[in-house]
Amino acid sequence: MEPELRRVIKRRTLDIVKEMIRVYNPRAAFEGRYYVVVGEGKIKGCVSLARRSWCLTEVRHLFVKEEFRGTGLGKHMVTEALRKIKAPLACCTVREDNNASLHVFLHRGFLVSRRFRNPETGDTILFLLKDMEVQEGTV
């Protein structure tokens, strides 16, 4: 049985999620709807969705706690988050060296649309885009 992706509605849970995200992104801007997977009484991972316009929703802050990495949880969370998107396009940004996240997004139909350098961090960032109206496995 797949774990349930639940929307964060309690302030305390959101505070915990923010603490998790700040570990890997101290400059994170928090917006949108946050979702978590909880098991054994603790948050295992999170993902958020931020509607940018009627035609675009951004997938943000995909994070899986270290002890749950490699279990397929990230893939599951992105798959479930994509089911919640009503816009015809979805996007995300991923550091070029974040192979785990790139694997998850590329295998869910996202395509690299643009590569750029973040002037604040020096990291190379990939902008990924997904046509939500195209079925996976078709072109």
N, C-alpha and C. Protein backbone atom coordinates (compact mmCIF):
# COMPACT_ATOMS: atom_id res chain seq x y z
N MET A 1 0.84 -1.19 0.00
CA MET A 1 0.00 0.00 0.00
C MET A 1 0.88 1.24 0.00
N GLU A 2 0.60 2.16 -0.91
CA GLU A 2 1.36 3.40 -1.03
C GLU A 2 1.03 4.35 0.12
N PRO A 3 2.03 5.09 0.61
CA PRO A 3 1.74 6.07 1.66
C PRO A 3 0.89 7.21 1.14
N GLU A 4 0.10 7.78 2.01
CA GLU A 4 -0.80 8.87 1.63
C GLU A 4 -0.07 10.20 1.64
N LEU A 5 -0.28 10.98 0.59
CA LEU A 5 0.25 12.34 0.51
C LEU A 5 -0.82 13.25 1.06
N ARG A 6 -0.56 13.86 2.23
CA ARG A 6 -1.57 14.68 2.90
C ARG A 6 -1.21 16.16 2.84
N ARG A 7 -2.22 16.98 2.63
CA ARG A 7 -2.02 18.43 2.61
C ARG A 7 -1.74 18.91 4.03
N VAL A 8 -0.77 19.81 4.16
CA VAL A 8 -0.43 20.40 5.46
C VAL A 8 -1.45 21.48 5.78
N ILE A 9 -2.11 21.33 6.92
CA ILE A 9 -3.06 22.36 7.34
C ILE A 9 -2.75 22.89 8.73
N LYS A 10 -1.91 22.20 9.50
CA LYS A 10 -1.57 22.66 10.84
C LYS A 10 -0.29 23.49 10.81
N ARG A 11 -0.31 24.59 11.53
CA ARG A 11 0.84 25.50 11.59
C ARG A 11 2.10 24.78 12.09
N ARG A 12 1.97 23.94 13.10
CA ARG A 12 3.13 23.23 13.66
C ARG A 12 3.76 22.30 12.61
N THR A 13 2.93 21.62 11.83
CA THR A 13 3.45 20.74 10.78
C THR A 13 4.18 21.55 9.73
N LEU A 14 3.61 22.70 9.35
CA LEU A 14 4.27 23.55 8.37
C LEU A 14 5.61 24.06 8.90
N ASP A 15 5.68 24.38 10.18
CA ASP A 15 6.95 24.81 10.77
C ASP A 15 8.01 23.71 10.68
N ILE A 16 7.61 22.46 10.90
CA ILE A 16 8.54 21.33 10.79
C ILE A 16 9.01 21.18 9.35
N VAL A 17 8.10 21.30 8.41
CA VAL A 17 8.43 21.21 6.99
C VAL A 17 9.41 22.30 6.61
N LYS A 18 9.17 23.51 7.06
CA LYS A 18 10.07 24.62 6.76
C LYS A 18 11.47 24.36 7.31
N GLU A 19 11.56 23.80 8.51
CA GLU A 19 12.87 23.46 9.10
C GLU A 19 13.59 22.44 8.23
N MET A 20 12.86 21.43 7.75
CA MET A 20 13.45 20.40 6.89
C MET A 20 14.01 21.02 5.62
N ILE A 21 13.24 21.88 5.00
CA ILE A 21 13.64 22.49 3.72
C ILE A 21 14.82 23.44 3.90
N ARG A 22 14.83 24.17 4.98
CA ARG A 22 15.92 25.15 5.21
C ARG A 22 17.28 24.47 5.36
N VAL A 23 17.31 23.19 5.70
CA VAL A 23 18.57 22.47 5.80
C VAL A 23 19.28 22.46 4.45
N TYR A 24 18.53 22.23 3.37
CA TYR A 24 19.17 22.19 2.06
C TYR A 24 19.01 23.49 1.28
N ASN A 25 18.10 24.37 1.71
CA ASN A 25 17.92 25.64 1.02
C ASN A 25 17.61 26.75 2.02
N PRO A 26 18.65 27.33 2.62
CA PRO A 26 18.44 28.36 3.64
C PRO A 26 17.69 29.59 3.13
N ARG A 27 17.71 29.83 1.81
CA ARG A 27 17.05 31.00 1.22
C ARG A 27 15.64 30.69 0.71
N ALA A 28 15.11 29.54 1.05
CA ALA A 28 13.83 29.10 0.50
C ALA A 28 12.72 30.11 0.78
N ALA A 29 11.91 30.34 -0.23
CA ALA A 29 10.70 31.15 -0.10
C ALA A 29 9.53 30.18 -0.01
N PHE A 30 8.72 30.33 1.00
CA PHE A 30 7.62 29.39 1.24
C PHE A 30 6.32 29.96 0.74
N GLU A 31 5.73 29.23 -0.22
CA GLU A 31 4.46 29.64 -0.79
C GLU A 31 3.80 28.40 -1.38
N GLY A 32 2.52 28.48 -1.61
CA GLY A 32 1.81 27.37 -2.21
C GLY A 32 1.24 26.42 -1.16
N ARG A 33 0.81 25.26 -1.65
CA ARG A 33 0.25 24.22 -0.79
C ARG A 33 1.33 23.18 -0.53
N TYR A 34 1.50 22.81 0.72
CA TYR A 34 2.50 21.82 1.10
C TYR A 34 1.82 20.50 1.43
N TYR A 35 2.48 19.42 0.98
CA TYR A 35 1.99 18.07 1.20
C TYR A 35 3.09 17.25 1.87
N VAL A 36 2.70 16.35 2.73
CA VAL A 36 3.67 15.50 3.43
C VAL A 36 3.24 14.05 3.38
N VAL A 37 4.21 13.17 3.56
CA VAL A 37 3.96 11.76 3.82
C VAL A 37 4.42 11.52 5.24
N VAL A 38 3.52 10.96 6.05
CA VAL A 38 3.80 10.70 7.45
C VAL A 38 3.74 9.20 7.68
N GLY A 39 4.69 8.69 8.45
CA GLY A 39 4.71 7.28 8.83
C GLY A 39 5.39 7.11 10.16
N GLU A 40 4.91 6.18 10.94
CA GLU A 40 5.46 5.96 12.28
C GLU A 40 5.53 7.25 13.09
N GLY A 41 4.55 8.11 12.87
CA GLY A 41 4.45 9.33 13.65
C GLY A 41 5.42 10.44 13.27
N LYS A 42 6.11 10.30 12.13
CA LYS A 42 7.02 11.38 11.72
C LYS A 42 6.90 11.65 10.23
N ILE A 43 7.26 12.86 9.88
CA ILE A 43 7.22 13.28 8.47
C ILE A 43 8.39 12.62 7.75
N LYS A 44 8.08 11.93 6.65
CA LYS A 44 9.11 11.26 5.86
C LYS A 44 9.60 12.13 4.71
N GLY A 45 8.71 12.98 4.19
CA GLY A 45 9.07 13.83 3.07
C GLY A 45 7.99 14.83 2.78
N CYS A 46 8.30 15.76 1.88
CA CYS A 46 7.32 16.80 1.53
C CYS A 46 7.52 17.24 0.09
N VAL A 47 6.50 17.90 -0.42
CA VAL A 47 6.52 18.52 -1.74
C VAL A 47 5.48 19.63 -1.69
N SER A 48 5.67 20.67 -2.50
CA SER A 48 4.67 21.73 -2.53
C SER A 48 4.29 22.06 -3.97
N LEU A 49 3.12 22.65 -4.10
CA LEU A 49 2.61 23.11 -5.39
C LEU A 49 2.25 24.58 -5.27
N ALA A 50 2.75 25.37 -6.21
CA ALA A 50 2.45 26.80 -6.23
C ALA A 50 1.87 27.15 -7.60
N ARG A 51 0.63 27.59 -7.59
CA ARG A 51 -0.02 27.98 -8.84
C ARG A 51 0.55 29.33 -9.29
N ARG A 52 1.09 29.36 -10.51
CA ARG A 52 1.68 30.58 -11.03
C ARG A 52 0.71 31.35 -11.91
N SER A 53 -0.16 30.65 -12.59
CA SER A 53 -1.21 31.26 -13.42
C SER A 53 -2.21 30.16 -13.75
N TRP A 54 -3.22 30.50 -14.52
CA TRP A 54 -4.20 29.49 -14.89
C TRP A 54 -3.57 28.35 -15.66
N CYS A 55 -2.43 28.62 -16.31
CA CYS A 55 -1.82 27.61 -17.18
C CYS A 55 -0.56 26.96 -16.62
N LEU A 56 -0.09 27.38 -15.44
CA LEU A 56 1.18 26.87 -14.93
C LEU A 56 1.17 26.68 -13.42
N THR A 57 1.57 25.49 -12.99
CA THR A 57 1.77 25.20 -11.56
C THR A 57 3.21 24.75 -11.37
N GLU A 58 3.86 25.28 -10.34
CA GLU A 58 5.24 24.93 -10.04
C GLU A 58 5.28 23.87 -8.94
N VAL A 59 6.06 22.82 -9.17
CA VAL A 59 6.34 21.82 -8.15
C VAL A 59 7.59 22.29 -7.43
N ARG A 60 7.50 22.42 -6.10
CA ARG A 60 8.59 23.00 -5.32
C ARG A 60 8.94 22.12 -4.12
N HIS A 61 10.14 22.31 -3.64
CA HIS A 61 10.58 21.77 -2.36
C HIS A 61 10.36 20.27 -2.18
N LEU A 62 10.68 19.50 -3.22
CA LEU A 62 10.66 18.05 -3.05
C LEU A 62 11.77 17.68 -2.08
N PHE A 63 11.40 17.02 -1.00
CA PHE A 63 12.39 16.65 0.01
C PHE A 63 12.00 15.32 0.64
N VAL A 64 12.96 14.41 0.71
CA VAL A 64 12.78 13.13 1.39
C VAL A 64 13.85 13.05 2.47
N LYS A 65 13.43 12.77 3.71
CA LYS A 65 14.41 12.62 4.79
C LYS A 65 15.40 11.52 4.43
N GLU A 66 16.62 11.74 4.84
CA GLU A 66 17.72 10.86 4.45
C GLU A 66 17.44 9.38 4.69
N GLU A 67 16.84 9.04 5.82
CA GLU A 67 16.62 7.63 6.14
C GLU A 67 15.56 6.96 5.26
N PHE A 68 14.82 7.76 4.47
CA PHE A 68 13.79 7.21 3.59
C PHE A 68 14.15 7.34 2.11
N ARG A 69 15.34 7.85 1.83
CA ARG A 69 15.78 7.97 0.44
C ARG A 69 16.06 6.60 -0.14
N GLY A 70 15.83 6.47 -1.44
CA GLY A 70 16.04 5.19 -2.11
C GLY A 70 14.88 4.23 -1.97
N THR A 71 13.78 4.68 -1.36
CA THR A 71 12.62 3.81 -1.16
C THR A 71 11.52 4.04 -2.19
N GLY A 72 11.71 5.03 -3.07
CA GLY A 72 10.67 5.36 -4.05
C GLY A 72 9.71 6.42 -3.54
N LEU A 73 9.96 6.94 -2.34
CA LEU A 73 9.06 7.93 -1.76
C LEU A 73 9.01 9.22 -2.58
N GLY A 74 10.14 9.70 -3.07
CA GLY A 74 10.17 10.91 -3.88
C GLY A 74 9.35 10.73 -5.15
N LYS A 75 9.51 9.59 -5.81
CA LYS A 75 8.73 9.31 -7.02
C LYS A 75 7.24 9.30 -6.71
N HIS A 76 6.90 8.66 -5.61
CA HIS A 76 5.49 8.59 -5.21
C HIS A 76 4.92 9.98 -4.93
N MET A 77 5.66 10.81 -4.20
CA MET A 77 5.17 12.14 -3.86
C MET A 77 4.96 12.99 -5.11
N VAL A 78 5.90 12.95 -6.06
CA VAL A 78 5.75 13.73 -7.28
C VAL A 78 4.57 13.22 -8.10
N THR A 79 4.44 11.91 -8.21
CA THR A 79 3.32 11.33 -8.96
C THR A 79 1.99 11.78 -8.37
N GLU A 80 1.87 11.73 -7.04
CA GLU A 80 0.62 12.14 -6.38
C GLU A 80 0.40 13.64 -6.50
N ALA A 81 1.47 14.42 -6.39
CA ALA A 81 1.34 15.88 -6.53
C ALA A 81 0.87 16.24 -7.93
N LEU A 82 1.40 15.56 -8.94
CA LEU A 82 1.00 15.85 -10.32
C LEU A 82 -0.49 15.57 -10.53
N ARG A 83 -1.04 14.62 -9.83
CA ARG A 83 -2.48 14.32 -9.94
C ARG A 83 -3.34 15.47 -9.43
N LYS A 84 -2.78 16.33 -8.60
CA LYS A 84 -3.53 17.44 -8.02
C LYS A 84 -3.51 18.68 -8.90
N ILE A 85 -2.65 18.69 -9.91
CA ILE A 85 -2.49 19.86 -10.77
C ILE A 85 -3.59 19.90 -11.82
N LYS A 86 -4.23 21.05 -11.92
CA LYS A 86 -5.30 21.26 -12.92
C LYS A 86 -4.81 22.05 -14.13
N ALA A 87 -3.68 22.74 -14.01
CA ALA A 87 -3.13 23.55 -15.10
C ALA A 87 -2.59 22.66 -16.22
N PRO A 88 -2.53 23.17 -17.44
CA PRO A 88 -2.00 22.36 -18.54
C PRO A 88 -0.48 22.20 -18.53
N LEU A 89 0.22 23.02 -17.75
CA LEU A 89 1.68 22.92 -17.66
C LEU A 89 2.13 22.86 -16.21
N ALA A 90 3.20 22.10 -15.97
CA ALA A 90 3.84 22.06 -14.66
C ALA A 90 5.32 22.34 -14.88
N CYS A 91 5.95 22.97 -13.89
CA CYS A 91 7.38 23.25 -14.00
C CYS A 91 8.05 23.03 -12.66
N CYS A 92 9.36 22.97 -12.69
CA CYS A 92 10.16 22.92 -11.46
C CYS A 92 11.58 23.34 -11.81
N THR A 93 12.34 23.68 -10.79
CA THR A 93 13.76 23.95 -10.97
C THR A 93 14.52 22.96 -10.11
N VAL A 94 15.64 22.47 -10.66
CA VAL A 94 16.45 21.48 -9.96
C VAL A 94 17.91 21.84 -10.19
N ARG A 95 18.72 21.75 -9.14
CA ARG A 95 20.15 21.93 -9.32
C ARG A 95 20.67 20.84 -10.26
N GLU A 96 21.55 21.20 -11.17
CA GLU A 96 22.05 20.26 -12.16
C GLU A 96 22.73 19.04 -11.52
N ASP A 97 23.31 19.22 -10.34
CA ASP A 97 24.00 18.11 -9.68
C ASP A 97 23.10 17.28 -8.76
N ASN A 98 21.80 17.57 -8.74
CA ASN A 98 20.86 16.83 -7.90
C ASN A 98 20.29 15.67 -8.72
N ASN A 99 21.09 14.62 -8.87
CA ASN A 99 20.72 13.50 -9.73
C ASN A 99 19.46 12.78 -9.28
N ALA A 100 19.24 12.66 -7.99
CA ALA A 100 18.05 11.96 -7.50
C ALA A 100 16.78 12.69 -7.93
N SER A 101 16.73 14.01 -7.72
CA SER A 101 15.54 14.77 -8.11
C SER A 101 15.38 14.80 -9.63
N LEU A 102 16.47 14.98 -10.35
CA LEU A 102 16.39 14.98 -11.81
C LEU A 102 15.80 13.67 -12.32
N HIS A 103 16.25 12.58 -11.76
CA HIS A 103 15.73 11.26 -12.16
C HIS A 103 14.22 11.19 -11.95
N VAL A 104 13.77 11.64 -10.79
CA VAL A 104 12.33 11.60 -10.48
C VAL A 104 11.54 12.42 -11.50
N PHE A 105 11.95 13.65 -11.73
CA PHE A 105 11.19 14.53 -12.62
C PHE A 105 11.26 14.10 -14.08
N LEU A 106 12.44 13.72 -14.55
CA LEU A 106 12.58 13.31 -15.94
C LEU A 106 11.78 12.05 -16.24
N HIS A 107 11.69 11.15 -15.27
CA HIS A 107 10.92 9.92 -15.47
C HIS A 107 9.41 10.13 -15.26
N ARG A 108 9.01 11.33 -14.97
CA ARG A 108 7.59 11.66 -14.89
C ARG A 108 7.18 12.62 -15.99
N GLY A 109 7.99 12.68 -17.04
CA GLY A 109 7.61 13.43 -18.23
C GLY A 109 8.08 14.87 -18.29
N PHE A 110 8.84 15.34 -17.32
CA PHE A 110 9.40 16.69 -17.39
C PHE A 110 10.55 16.69 -18.39
N LEU A 111 10.71 17.80 -19.09
CA LEU A 111 11.81 17.98 -20.03
C LEU A 111 12.62 19.20 -19.62
N VAL A 112 13.92 19.13 -19.83
CA VAL A 112 14.78 20.28 -19.52
C VAL A 112 14.49 21.34 -20.57
N SER A 113 14.04 22.49 -20.10
CA SER A 113 13.69 23.59 -20.99
C SER A 113 14.79 24.64 -21.06
N ARG A 114 15.48 24.82 -19.94
CA ARG A 114 16.52 25.86 -19.90
C ARG A 114 17.51 25.55 -18.80
N ARG A 115 18.74 25.95 -19.00
CA ARG A 115 19.82 25.81 -18.02
C ARG A 115 20.33 27.22 -17.73
N PHE A 116 20.51 27.54 -16.45
CA PHE A 116 21.04 28.86 -16.11
C PHE A 116 21.82 28.77 -14.80
N ARG A 117 22.53 29.83 -14.48
CA ARG A 117 23.33 29.89 -13.26
C ARG A 117 22.61 30.76 -12.26
N ASN A 118 22.51 30.28 -11.02
CA ASN A 118 21.92 31.08 -9.94
C ASN A 118 23.00 32.05 -9.46
N PRO A 119 22.80 33.36 -9.63
CA PRO A 119 23.84 34.32 -9.25
C PRO A 119 24.08 34.38 -7.75
N GLU A 120 23.10 33.99 -6.94
CA GLU A 120 23.27 34.02 -5.48
C GLU A 120 24.13 32.86 -4.97
N THR A 121 24.02 31.70 -5.61
CA THR A 121 24.71 30.50 -5.10
C THR A 121 25.81 30.02 -6.02
N GLY A 122 25.75 30.41 -7.30
CA GLY A 122 26.71 29.91 -8.28
C GLY A 122 26.30 28.55 -8.85
N ASP A 123 25.23 27.95 -8.36
CA ASP A 123 24.78 26.65 -8.84
C ASP A 123 24.21 26.75 -10.25
N THR A 124 24.41 25.68 -11.02
CA THR A 124 23.75 25.56 -12.31
C THR A 124 22.37 24.96 -12.06
N ILE A 125 21.34 25.62 -12.57
CA ILE A 125 19.95 25.24 -12.33
C ILE A 125 19.32 24.82 -13.65
N LEU A 126 18.52 23.77 -13.59
CA LEU A 126 17.75 23.33 -14.75
C LEU A 126 16.29 23.70 -14.53
N PHE A 127 15.69 24.31 -15.54
CA PHE A 127 14.26 24.61 -15.52
C PHE A 127 13.59 23.49 -16.29
N LEU A 128 12.71 22.74 -15.64
CA LEU A 128 12.02 21.61 -16.25
C LEU A 128 10.56 21.96 -16.46
N LEU A 129 10.00 21.47 -17.56
CA LEU A 129 8.63 21.76 -17.92
C LEU A 129 7.93 20.47 -18.32
N LYS A 130 6.66 20.34 -17.94
CA LYS A 130 5.87 19.15 -18.29
C LYS A 130 4.53 19.59 -18.85
N ASP A 131 4.19 19.03 -20.00
CA ASP A 131 2.88 19.24 -20.59
C ASP A 131 1.94 18.25 -19.91
N MET A 132 1.04 18.74 -19.10
CA MET A 132 0.16 17.87 -18.31
C MET A 132 -0.90 17.20 -19.18
N GLU A 133 -1.05 17.66 -20.40
CA GLU A 133 -2.07 17.07 -21.28
C GLU A 133 -1.51 15.94 -22.13
N VAL A 134 -0.20 15.71 -22.07
CA VAL A 134 0.43 14.62 -22.81
C VAL A 134 0.56 13.43 -21.86
N GLN A 135 0.08 12.28 -22.28
CA GLN A 135 0.17 11.09 -21.45
C GLN A 135 1.62 10.62 -21.40
N GLU A 136 2.04 10.11 -20.24
CA GLU A 136 3.40 9.59 -20.13
C GLU A 136 3.58 8.45 -21.12
N GLY A 137 4.75 8.41 -21.74
CA GLY A 137 5.05 7.37 -22.70
C GLY A 137 4.65 7.71 -24.12
N THR A 138 4.06 8.91 -24.33
CA THR A 138 3.71 9.33 -25.69
C THR A 138 4.42 10.62 -26.02
N VAL A 139 4.56 10.91 -27.28
CA VAL A 139 5.23 12.15 -27.68
C VAL A 139 4.27 13.04 -28.42
